[in-house]
Amino acid sequence: MSFKPKRSLGQNFLYDQKIINLIIKVGNINSQDTVLEVGPGTGNLTKKILEQAPKNIILVEKDTMLSDHLNKKFGDRIKVFNQDMMKFSYKNYYGKKLVIFGNLPYNISTQILVKWIKIKELDKFCKKFVLMFQKEVADRIVAQTNSKKYGRLSILSNWKMKVEKITDIDPNSFKPMPKVKSTLLVFSPKKKFFELNDPKNLEFVTNIFFSQRRKMIKKPLKFLFKNFEEMAKKLCLDLNLRPQNLDNATYYKICKIYESLIK
């Protein structure tokens, strides 16, 4: 059965068997794993996941026709939720140490990622995320300090996870072909990370800095702290630096200080 991809859902189905095999390899599934695949589409990757014989496999597919197709194709070997992945509740899977796979729709990929980052005890929820992004987004996720693409997404992603770039993927690996390249990333939740009260505060702080990324850091510090010069000395910061010059750890420290003032 052939399906006409829906542009409204950002559907681009992965067909390249070499890439599918690579995804399976880096996923490293074992018989004790519970696998969650978001946006499985026609089930090309799902088929290969099943060949690894995981303990359970859960699919989240918003498209009703595709959801029905997956149920007919794989039967009781899978559990399909015909839901929007942004509204899907993960509460029944806390503590399961999932292996999560996803060819994420470009239009909501960062929203989905941030939703996962906000999950408490992330290392107990998920063992590994194997995710595909638009290359431009992936470049921002893996960007290093002092680079033009370094910013909020890199700081948030690397806060609670180790991120590894696996490979770039050409548009001809998909049907229909997207207009841009994709990138495969693997995220491994950290057991130890900088403790913050609320991820929303880190989002807020980084937004203040990177909404005017070409400005010197004096302005956002002044916005966040009345005694901004004292804060700069405490953190050994040169007020003439730009936001991209501060490393991840510095933003976590700034956020921690900010949180102590808004209790």
C-alpha atoms as a PDB file:
ATOM      1  CA  MET A   1       0.000   0.000   0.000  1.00  0.00           C
ATOM      2  CA  SER A   2       1.358   3.431  -0.920  1.00  0.00           C
ATOM      3  CA  PHE A   3       0.721   6.583   1.096  1.00  0.00           C
ATOM      4  CA  LYS A   4       0.772  10.155  -0.048  1.00  0.00           C
ATOM      5  CA  PRO A   5       2.883  12.068   2.495  1.00  0.00           C
ATOM      6  CA  LYS A   6       1.083  14.925   4.224  1.00  0.00           C
ATOM      7  CA  ARG A   7       2.924  18.202   4.095  1.00  0.00           C
ATOM      8  CA  SER A   8       0.949  19.454   7.106  1.00  0.00           C
ATOM      9  CA  LEU A   9       2.549  16.697   9.227  1.00  0.00           C
ATOM     10  CA  GLY A  10       6.019  17.203   7.779  1.00  0.00           C
ATOM     11  CA  GLN A  11       6.114  13.642   6.482  1.00  0.00           C
ATOM     12  CA  ASN A  12       9.242  12.430   4.689  1.00  0.00           C
ATOM     13  CA  PHE A  13       9.521   8.649   4.816  1.00  0.00           C
ATOM     14  CA  LEU A  14      12.974   7.105   5.233  1.00  0.00           C
ATOM     15  CA  TYR A  15      13.656   4.392   2.640  1.00  0.00           C
ATOM     16  CA  ASP A  16      17.450   4.154   2.515  1.00  0.00           C
ATOM     17  CA  GLN A  17      18.342   0.721   3.927  1.00  0.00           C
ATOM     18  CA  LYS A  18      21.953   1.727   4.610  1.00  0.00           C
ATOM     19  CA  ILE A  19      20.770   4.561   6.841  1.00  0.00           C
ATOM     20  CA  ILE A  20      18.141   2.357   8.482  1.00  0.00           C
ATOM     21  CA  ASN A  21      20.818  -0.248   9.253  1.00  0.00           C
ATOM     22  CA  LEU A  22      23.080   2.466  10.667  1.00  0.00           C
ATOM     23  CA  ILE A  23      20.270   3.702  12.936  1.00  0.00           C
ATOM     24  CA  ILE A  24      19.758   0.144  14.214  1.00  0.00           C
ATOM     25  CA  LYS A  25      23.493  -0.246  14.824  1.00  0.00           C
ATOM     26  CA  VAL A  26      23.822   2.906  16.926  1.00  0.00           C
ATOM     27  CA  GLY A  27      20.575   2.071  18.757  1.00  0.00           C
ATOM     28  CA  ASN A  28      22.191  -1.164  19.981  1.00  0.00           C
ATOM     29  CA  ILE A  29      18.863  -2.707  21.074  1.00  0.00           C
ATOM     30  CA  ASN A  30      18.822  -5.753  23.339  1.00  0.00           C
ATOM     31  CA  SER A  31      16.120  -8.201  24.441  1.00  0.00           C
ATOM     32  CA  GLN A  32      15.466  -6.288  27.682  1.00  0.00           C
ATOM     33  CA  ASP A  33      14.819  -2.929  25.982  1.00  0.00           C
ATOM     34  CA  THR A  34      11.507  -1.182  25.608  1.00  0.00           C
ATOM     35  CA  VAL A  35      11.667   0.787  22.367  1.00  0.00           C
ATOM     36  CA  LEU A  36       9.621   3.896  21.629  1.00  0.00           C
ATOM     37  CA  GLU A  37       9.507   5.078  18.017  1.00  0.00           C
ATOM     38  CA  VAL A  38       7.938   8.451  17.322  1.00  0.00           C
ATOM     39  CA  GLY A  39       6.724   9.189  13.811  1.00  0.00           C
ATOM     40  CA  PRO A  40       7.265   5.659  12.419  1.00  0.00           C
ATOM     41  CA  GLY A  41       5.559   6.503   9.130  1.00  0.00           C
ATOM     42  CA  THR A  42       5.189   3.406   6.946  1.00  0.00           C
ATOM     43  CA  GLY A  43       7.215   1.229   9.332  1.00  0.00           C
ATOM     44  CA  ASN A  44      10.488   0.791   7.426  1.00  0.00           C
ATOM     45  CA  LEU A  45      12.574   1.346  10.563  1.00  0.00           C
ATOM     46  CA  THR A  46       9.986  -0.414  12.734  1.00  0.00           C
ATOM     47  CA  LYS A  47      10.520  -3.625  10.757  1.00  0.00           C
ATOM     48  CA  LYS A  48      14.254  -3.555  11.489  1.00  0.00           C
ATOM     49  CA  ILE A  49      13.673  -2.731  15.166  1.00  0.00           C
ATOM     50  CA  LEU A  50      11.430  -5.803  15.481  1.00  0.00           C
ATOM     51  CA  GLU A  51      14.206  -7.953  14.022  1.00  0.00           C
ATOM     52  CA  GLN A  52      16.307  -7.013  17.080  1.00  0.00           C
ATOM     53  CA  ALA A  53      13.623  -8.619  19.309  1.00  0.00           C
ATOM     54  CA  PRO A  54      13.232  -5.935  21.986  1.00  0.00           C
ATOM     55  CA  LYS A  55      11.069  -6.651  25.027  1.00  0.00           C
ATOM     56  CA  ASN A  56       8.402  -4.150  23.899  1.00  0.00           C
ATOM     57  CA  ILE A  57       7.928  -1.678  21.077  1.00  0.00           C
ATOM     58  CA  ILE A  58       5.646   1.343  21.269  1.00  0.00           C
ATOM     59  CA  LEU A  59       4.842   3.542  18.278  1.00  0.00           C
ATOM     60  CA  VAL A  60       3.423   7.072  18.376  1.00  0.00           C
ATOM     61  CA  GLU A  61       1.895   8.037  15.020  1.00  0.00           C
ATOM     62  CA  LYS A  62      -0.408  11.022  14.522  1.00  0.00           C
ATOM     63  CA  ASP A  63      -1.616  10.025  11.045  1.00  0.00           C
ATOM     64  CA  THR A  64      -4.678   7.764  11.460  1.00  0.00           C
ATOM     65  CA  MET A  65      -4.228   5.992   8.120  1.00  0.00           C
ATOM     66  CA  LEU A  66      -0.598   5.193   8.917  1.00  0.00           C
ATOM     67  CA  SER A  67      -1.527   4.118  12.433  1.00  0.00           C
ATOM     68  CA  ASP A  68      -4.063   1.644  11.009  1.00  0.00           C
ATOM     69  CA  HIS A  69      -1.512   0.455   8.459  1.00  0.00           C
ATOM     70  CA  LEU A  70       1.088  -0.209  11.185  1.00  0.00           C
ATOM     71  CA  ASN A  71      -1.411  -2.184  13.245  1.00  0.00           C
ATOM     72  CA  LYS A  72      -2.297  -4.357  10.247  1.00  0.00           C
ATOM     73  CA  LYS A  73       1.331  -4.764   9.201  1.00  0.00           C
ATOM     74  CA  PHE A  74       2.815  -5.731  12.573  1.00  0.00           C
ATOM     75  CA  GLY A  75      -0.185  -6.890  14.622  1.00  0.00           C
ATOM     76  CA  ASP A  76       0.258  -7.619  18.310  1.00  0.00           C
ATOM     77  CA  ARG A  77       4.049  -7.350  18.104  1.00  0.00           C
ATOM     78  CA  ILE A  78       3.665  -3.595  18.604  1.00  0.00           C
ATOM     79  CA  LYS A  79       1.534  -1.108  20.529  1.00  0.00           C
ATOM     80  CA  VAL A  80       0.428   1.866  18.422  1.00  0.00           C
ATOM     81  CA  PHE A  81      -0.773   5.166  19.862  1.00  0.00           C
ATOM     82  CA  ASN A  82      -2.588   7.277  17.267  1.00  0.00           C
ATOM     83  CA  GLN A  83      -1.619  10.558  18.926  1.00  0.00           C
ATOM     84  CA  ASP A  84       0.267  13.797  18.468  1.00  0.00           C
ATOM     85  CA  MET A  85       3.769  13.179  19.839  1.00  0.00           C
ATOM     86  CA  MET A  86       3.712  16.620  21.487  1.00  0.00           C
ATOM     87  CA  LYS A  87       0.622  15.622  23.496  1.00  0.00           C
ATOM     88  CA  PHE A  88       1.617  12.036  24.215  1.00  0.00           C
ATOM     89  CA  SER A  89       1.931  11.247  27.938  1.00  0.00           C
ATOM     90  CA  TYR A  90       5.091   9.443  28.983  1.00  0.00           C
ATOM     91  CA  LYS A  91       4.041   8.902  32.613  1.00  0.00           C
ATOM     92  CA  ASN A  92       3.570   5.155  32.137  1.00  0.00           C
ATOM     93  CA  TYR A  93       7.146   4.822  30.893  1.00  0.00           C
ATOM     94  CA  TYR A  94       9.096   6.562  33.663  1.00  0.00           C
ATOM     95  CA  GLY A  95      11.731   4.199  34.980  1.00  0.00           C
ATOM     96  CA  LYS A  96      11.636   2.012  31.848  1.00  0.00           C
ATOM     97  CA  LYS A  97      14.951   3.293  30.439  1.00  0.00           C
ATOM     98  CA  LEU A  98      13.522   3.493  26.939  1.00  0.00           C
ATOM     99  CA  VAL A  99      15.460   3.474  23.701  1.00  0.00           C
ATOM    100  CA  ILE A 100      13.769   6.220  21.681  1.00  0.00           C
ATOM    101  CA  PHE A 101      13.974   6.486  17.896  1.00  0.00           C
ATOM    102  CA  GLY A 102      12.569   9.361  15.881  1.00  0.00           C
ATOM    103  CA  ASN A 103      12.631  10.859  12.407  1.00  0.00           C
ATOM    104  CA  LEU A 104      11.269  14.122  13.791  1.00  0.00           C
ATOM    105  CA  PRO A 105       9.065  16.464  11.735  1.00  0.00           C
ATOM    106  CA  TYR A 106      11.218  19.493  10.972  1.00  0.00           C
ATOM    107  CA  ASN A 107       8.557  21.979  12.076  1.00  0.00           C
ATOM    108  CA  ILE A 108       8.319  20.670  15.659  1.00  0.00           C
ATOM    109  CA  SER A 109      11.632  18.849  16.208  1.00  0.00           C
ATOM    110  CA  THR A 110      13.068  21.360  18.677  1.00  0.00           C
ATOM    111  CA  GLN A 111       9.811  21.478  20.667  1.00  0.00           C
ATOM    112  CA  ILE A 112       9.838  17.694  21.020  1.00  0.00           C
ATOM    113  CA  LEU A 113      13.486  17.666  22.073  1.00  0.00           C
ATOM    114  CA  VAL A 114      12.956  20.371  24.713  1.00  0.00           C
ATOM    115  CA  LYS A 115       9.928  18.476  26.063  1.00  0.00           C
ATOM    116  CA  TRP A 116      12.144  15.418  26.611  1.00  0.00           C
ATOM    117  CA  ILE A 117      14.935  17.485  28.167  1.00  0.00           C
ATOM    118  CA  LYS A 118      12.487  18.769  30.772  1.00  0.00           C
ATOM    119  CA  ILE A 119      11.636  15.255  32.010  1.00  0.00           C
ATOM    120  CA  LYS A 120      12.861  14.696  35.572  1.00  0.00           C
ATOM    121  CA  GLU A 121      15.311  11.842  36.135  1.00  0.00           C
ATOM    122  CA  LEU A 122      15.885  11.661  32.412  1.00  0.00           C
ATOM    123  CA  ASP A 123      18.552   8.963  32.774  1.00  0.00           C
ATOM    124  CA  LYS A 124      15.947   6.638  34.344  1.00  0.00           C
ATOM    125  CA  PHE A 125      13.362   7.460  31.693  1.00  0.00           C
ATOM    126  CA  CYS A 126      15.547   6.918  28.636  1.00  0.00           C
ATOM    127  CA  LYS A 127      18.751   5.022  27.954  1.00  0.00           C
ATOM    128  CA  LYS A 128      19.340   6.582  24.561  1.00  0.00           C
ATOM    129  CA  PHE A 129      17.686   8.857  21.982  1.00  0.00           C
ATOM    130  CA  VAL A 130      18.482   8.133  18.317  1.00  0.00           C
ATOM    131  CA  LEU A 131      17.015  11.104  16.474  1.00  0.00           C
ATOM    132  CA  MET A 132      17.026  12.622  13.021  1.00  0.00           C
ATOM    133  CA  PHE A 133      16.868  16.397  12.552  1.00  0.00           C
ATOM    134  CA  GLN A 134      17.096  18.886   9.757  1.00  0.00           C
ATOM    135  CA  LYS A 135      20.866  19.468   9.392  1.00  0.00           C
ATOM    136  CA  GLU A 136      20.550  23.149  10.248  1.00  0.00           C
ATOM    137  CA  VAL A 137      18.910  22.282  13.586  1.00  0.00           C
ATOM    138  CA  ALA A 138      21.420  19.501  14.317  1.00  0.00           C
ATOM    139  CA  ASP A 139      24.283  21.929  13.677  1.00  0.00           C
ATOM    140  CA  ARG A 140      22.844  24.213  16.356  1.00  0.00           C
ATOM    141  CA  ILE A 141      22.477  21.327  18.814  1.00  0.00           C
ATOM    142  CA  VAL A 142      26.123  20.229  18.502  1.00  0.00           C
ATOM    143  CA  ALA A 143      27.583  23.741  18.106  1.00  0.00           C
ATOM    144  CA  GLN A 144      30.510  24.658  20.331  1.00  0.00           C
ATOM    145  CA  THR A 145      31.237  27.845  22.261  1.00  0.00           C
ATOM    146  CA  ASN A 146      32.545  30.743  20.126  1.00  0.00           C
ATOM    147  CA  SER A 147      30.791  29.532  16.974  1.00  0.00           C
ATOM    148  CA  LYS A 148      28.007  31.371  15.151  1.00  0.00           C
ATOM    149  CA  LYS A 149      25.553  28.487  15.545  1.00  0.00           C
ATOM    150  CA  TYR A 150      26.149  28.079  19.290  1.00  0.00           C
ATOM    151  CA  GLY A 151      23.158  29.181  21.332  1.00  0.00           C
ATOM    152  CA  ARG A 152      20.118  28.201  23.360  1.00  0.00           C
ATOM    153  CA  LEU A 153      19.589  24.799  21.753  1.00  0.00           C
ATOM    154  CA  SER A 154      23.156  23.651  22.349  1.00  0.00           C
ATOM    155  CA  ILE A 155      23.113  24.870  25.967  1.00  0.00           C
ATOM    156  CA  LEU A 156      19.782  23.156  26.708  1.00  0.00           C
ATOM    157  CA  SER A 157      20.666  19.897  24.937  1.00  0.00           C
ATOM    158  CA  ASN A 158      24.072  19.513  26.542  1.00  0.00           C
ATOM    159  CA  TRP A 159      22.774  20.338  30.014  1.00  0.00           C
ATOM    160  CA  LYS A 160      21.385  16.861  30.728  1.00  0.00           C
ATOM    161  CA  MET A 161      22.669  14.863  27.765  1.00  0.00           C
ATOM    162  CA  LYS A 162      25.825  13.923  25.932  1.00  0.00           C
ATOM    163  CA  VAL A 163      25.245  14.542  22.219  1.00  0.00           C
ATOM    164  CA  GLU A 164      27.044  12.730  19.408  1.00  0.00           C
ATOM    165  CA  LYS A 165      26.738  13.424  15.691  1.00  0.00           C
ATOM    166  CA  ILE A 166      26.620  10.192  13.678  1.00  0.00           C
ATOM    167  CA  THR A 167      26.245  11.314  10.047  1.00  0.00           C
ATOM    168  CA  ASP A 168      24.595  13.707   7.618  1.00  0.00           C
ATOM    169  CA  ILE A 169      21.900  12.204   5.397  1.00  0.00           C
ATOM    170  CA  ASP A 170      21.164  13.212   1.819  1.00  0.00           C
ATOM    171  CA  PRO A 171      17.612  14.142   0.767  1.00  0.00           C
ATOM    172  CA  ASN A 172      17.471  11.197  -1.662  1.00  0.00           C
ATOM    173  CA  SER A 173      17.265   8.827   1.339  1.00  0.00           C
ATOM    174  CA  PHE A 174      13.645   9.951   1.773  1.00  0.00           C
ATOM    175  CA  LYS A 175      10.400   9.930  -0.148  1.00  0.00           C
ATOM    176  CA  PRO A 176       9.415  12.576  -0.930  1.00  0.00           C
ATOM    177  CA  MET A 177      12.846  14.166  -0.983  1.00  0.00           C
ATOM    178  CA  PRO A 178      13.105  17.089   1.445  1.00  0.00           C
ATOM    179  CA  LYS A 179      14.805  20.251   0.212  1.00  0.00           C
ATOM    180  CA  VAL A 180      17.484  20.054   2.896  1.00  0.00           C
ATOM    181  CA  LYS A 181      19.926  17.547   4.358  1.00  0.00           C
ATOM    182  CA  SER A 182      19.207  15.711   7.593  1.00  0.00           C
ATOM    183  CA  THR A 183      21.523  14.655  10.406  1.00  0.00           C
ATOM    184  CA  LEU A 184      21.454  11.648  12.720  1.00  0.00           C
ATOM    185  CA  LEU A 185      22.270  12.406  16.369  1.00  0.00           C
ATOM    186  CA  VAL A 186      22.494  10.203  19.458  1.00  0.00           C
ATOM    187  CA  PHE A 187      21.666  11.646  22.890  1.00  0.00           C
ATOM    188  CA  SER A 188      22.769   9.820  26.046  1.00  0.00           C
ATOM    189  CA  PRO A 189      21.246  11.151  29.294  1.00  0.00           C
ATOM    190  CA  LYS A 190      23.808  12.077  31.957  1.00  0.00           C
ATOM    191  CA  LYS A 191      23.570  10.644  35.461  1.00  0.00           C
ATOM    192  CA  LYS A 192      25.231  13.761  36.856  1.00  0.00           C
ATOM    193  CA  PHE A 193      24.508  17.246  35.575  1.00  0.00           C
ATOM    194  CA  PHE A 194      24.263  20.794  36.902  1.00  0.00           C
ATOM    195  CA  GLU A 195      21.246  20.899  39.227  1.00  0.00           C
ATOM    196  CA  LEU A 196      18.677  23.595  38.459  1.00  0.00           C
ATOM    197  CA  ASN A 197      15.244  24.140  40.008  1.00  0.00           C
ATOM    198  CA  ASP A 198      13.335  24.459  36.738  1.00  0.00           C
ATOM    199  CA  PRO A 199      14.379  24.007  33.087  1.00  0.00           C
ATOM    200  CA  LYS A 200      12.105  26.931  32.197  1.00  0.00           C
ATOM    201  CA  ASN A 201      14.527  29.230  33.996  1.00  0.00           C
ATOM    202  CA  LEU A 202      17.376  28.058  31.779  1.00  0.00           C
ATOM    203  CA  GLU A 203      15.178  28.671  28.738  1.00  0.00           C
ATOM    204  CA  PHE A 204      14.420  32.165  30.036  1.00  0.00           C
ATOM    205  CA  VAL A 205      18.033  33.059  30.838  1.00  0.00           C
ATOM    206  CA  THR A 206      19.387  31.837  27.498  1.00  0.00           C
ATOM    207  CA  ASN A 207      16.593  33.636  25.666  1.00  0.00           C
ATOM    208  CA  ILE A 208      17.588  36.906  27.348  1.00  0.00           C
ATOM    209  CA  PHE A 209      21.179  36.452  26.193  1.00  0.00           C
ATOM    210  CA  PHE A 210      20.655  35.127  22.681  1.00  0.00           C
ATOM    211  CA  SER A 211      17.714  37.314  21.636  1.00  0.00           C
ATOM    212  CA  GLN A 212      20.432  39.908  21.004  1.00  0.00           C
ATOM    213  CA  ARG A 213      23.413  37.680  20.421  1.00  0.00           C
ATOM    214  CA  ARG A 214      25.538  40.412  18.817  1.00  0.00           C
ATOM    215  CA  LYS A 215      25.272  42.652  21.866  1.00  0.00           C
ATOM    216  CA  MET A 216      27.788  42.504  24.715  1.00  0.00           C
ATOM    217  CA  ILE A 217      26.770  40.441  27.748  1.00  0.00           C
ATOM    218  CA  LYS A 218      26.542  43.561  29.912  1.00  0.00           C
ATOM    219  CA  LYS A 219      22.992  44.202  28.665  1.00  0.00           C
ATOM    220  CA  PRO A 220      21.437  40.786  29.501  1.00  0.00           C
ATOM    221  CA  LEU A 221      23.287  40.650  32.831  1.00  0.00           C
ATOM    222  CA  LYS A 222      21.933  44.084  33.684  1.00  0.00           C
ATOM    223  CA  PHE A 223      18.429  42.872  32.801  1.00  0.00           C
ATOM    224  CA  LEU A 224      18.738  39.802  35.059  1.00  0.00           C
ATOM    225  CA  PHE A 225      20.633  41.299  38.003  1.00  0.00           C
ATOM    226  CA  LYS A 226      20.564  44.717  39.685  1.00  0.00           C
ATOM    227  CA  ASN A 227      24.119  44.132  40.890  1.00  0.00           C
ATOM    228  CA  PHE A 228      25.262  42.900  37.477  1.00  0.00           C
ATOM    229  CA  GLU A 229      28.849  44.156  37.887  1.00  0.00           C
ATOM    230  CA  GLU A 230      29.200  42.199  41.113  1.00  0.00           C
ATOM    231  CA  MET A 231      27.775  39.113  39.384  1.00  0.00           C
ATOM    232  CA  ALA A 232      30.245  39.525  36.535  1.00  0.00           C
ATOM    233  CA  LYS A 233      33.147  39.625  39.011  1.00  0.00           C
ATOM    234  CA  LYS A 234      31.790  36.592  40.867  1.00  0.00           C
ATOM    235  CA  LEU A 235      31.688  34.626  37.609  1.00  0.00           C
ATOM    236  CA  CYS A 236      34.959  36.134  36.288  1.00  0.00           C
ATOM    237  CA  LEU A 237      33.173  37.521  33.229  1.00  0.00           C
ATOM    238  CA  ASP A 238      34.420  40.206  30.876  1.00  0.00           C
ATOM    239  CA  LEU A 239      31.394  42.420  30.177  1.00  0.00           C
ATOM    240  CA  ASN A 240      32.677  43.037  26.648  1.00  0.00           C
ATOM    241  CA  LEU A 241      32.163  39.391  25.666  1.00  0.00           C
ATOM    242  CA  ARG A 242      29.288  38.304  23.409  1.00  0.00           C
ATOM    243  CA  PRO A 243      26.754  35.579  24.361  1.00  0.00           C
ATOM    244  CA  GLN A 244      28.431  32.954  22.158  1.00  0.00           C
ATOM    245  CA  ASN A 245      31.700  33.439  24.072  1.00  0.00           C
ATOM    246  CA  LEU A 246      30.304  31.963  27.312  1.00  0.00           C
ATOM    247  CA  ASP A 247      30.460  28.191  27.698  1.00  0.00           C
ATOM    248  CA  ASN A 248      27.589  25.942  28.774  1.00  0.00           C
ATOM    249  CA  ALA A 249      28.712  25.727  32.401  1.00  0.00           C
ATOM    250  CA  THR A 250      28.689  29.522  32.726  1.00  0.00           C
ATOM    251  CA  TYR A 251      25.058  29.684  31.617  1.00  0.00           C
ATOM    252  CA  TYR A 252      24.115  27.010  34.149  1.00  0.00           C
ATOM    253  CA  LYS A 253      25.835  29.039  36.895  1.00  0.00           C
ATOM    254  CA  ILE A 254      24.090  32.242  35.794  1.00  0.00           C
ATOM    255  CA  CYS A 255      20.766  30.404  35.841  1.00  0.00           C
ATOM    256  CA  LYS A 256      21.452  29.022  39.330  1.00  0.00           C
ATOM    257  CA  ILE A 257      22.138  32.507  40.664  1.00  0.00           C
ATOM    258  CA  TYR A 258      19.012  33.828  38.934  1.00  0.00           C
ATOM    259  CA  GLU A 259      16.941  31.049  40.521  1.00  0.00           C
ATOM    260  CA  SER A 260      18.235  31.957  43.981  1.00  0.00           C
ATOM    261  CA  LEU A 261      16.893  35.484  43.525  1.00  0.00           C
ATOM    262  CA  ILE A 262      13.372  34.563  42.358  1.00  0.00           C
ATOM    263  CA  LYS A 263      12.462  32.124  45.123  1.00  0.00           C
END
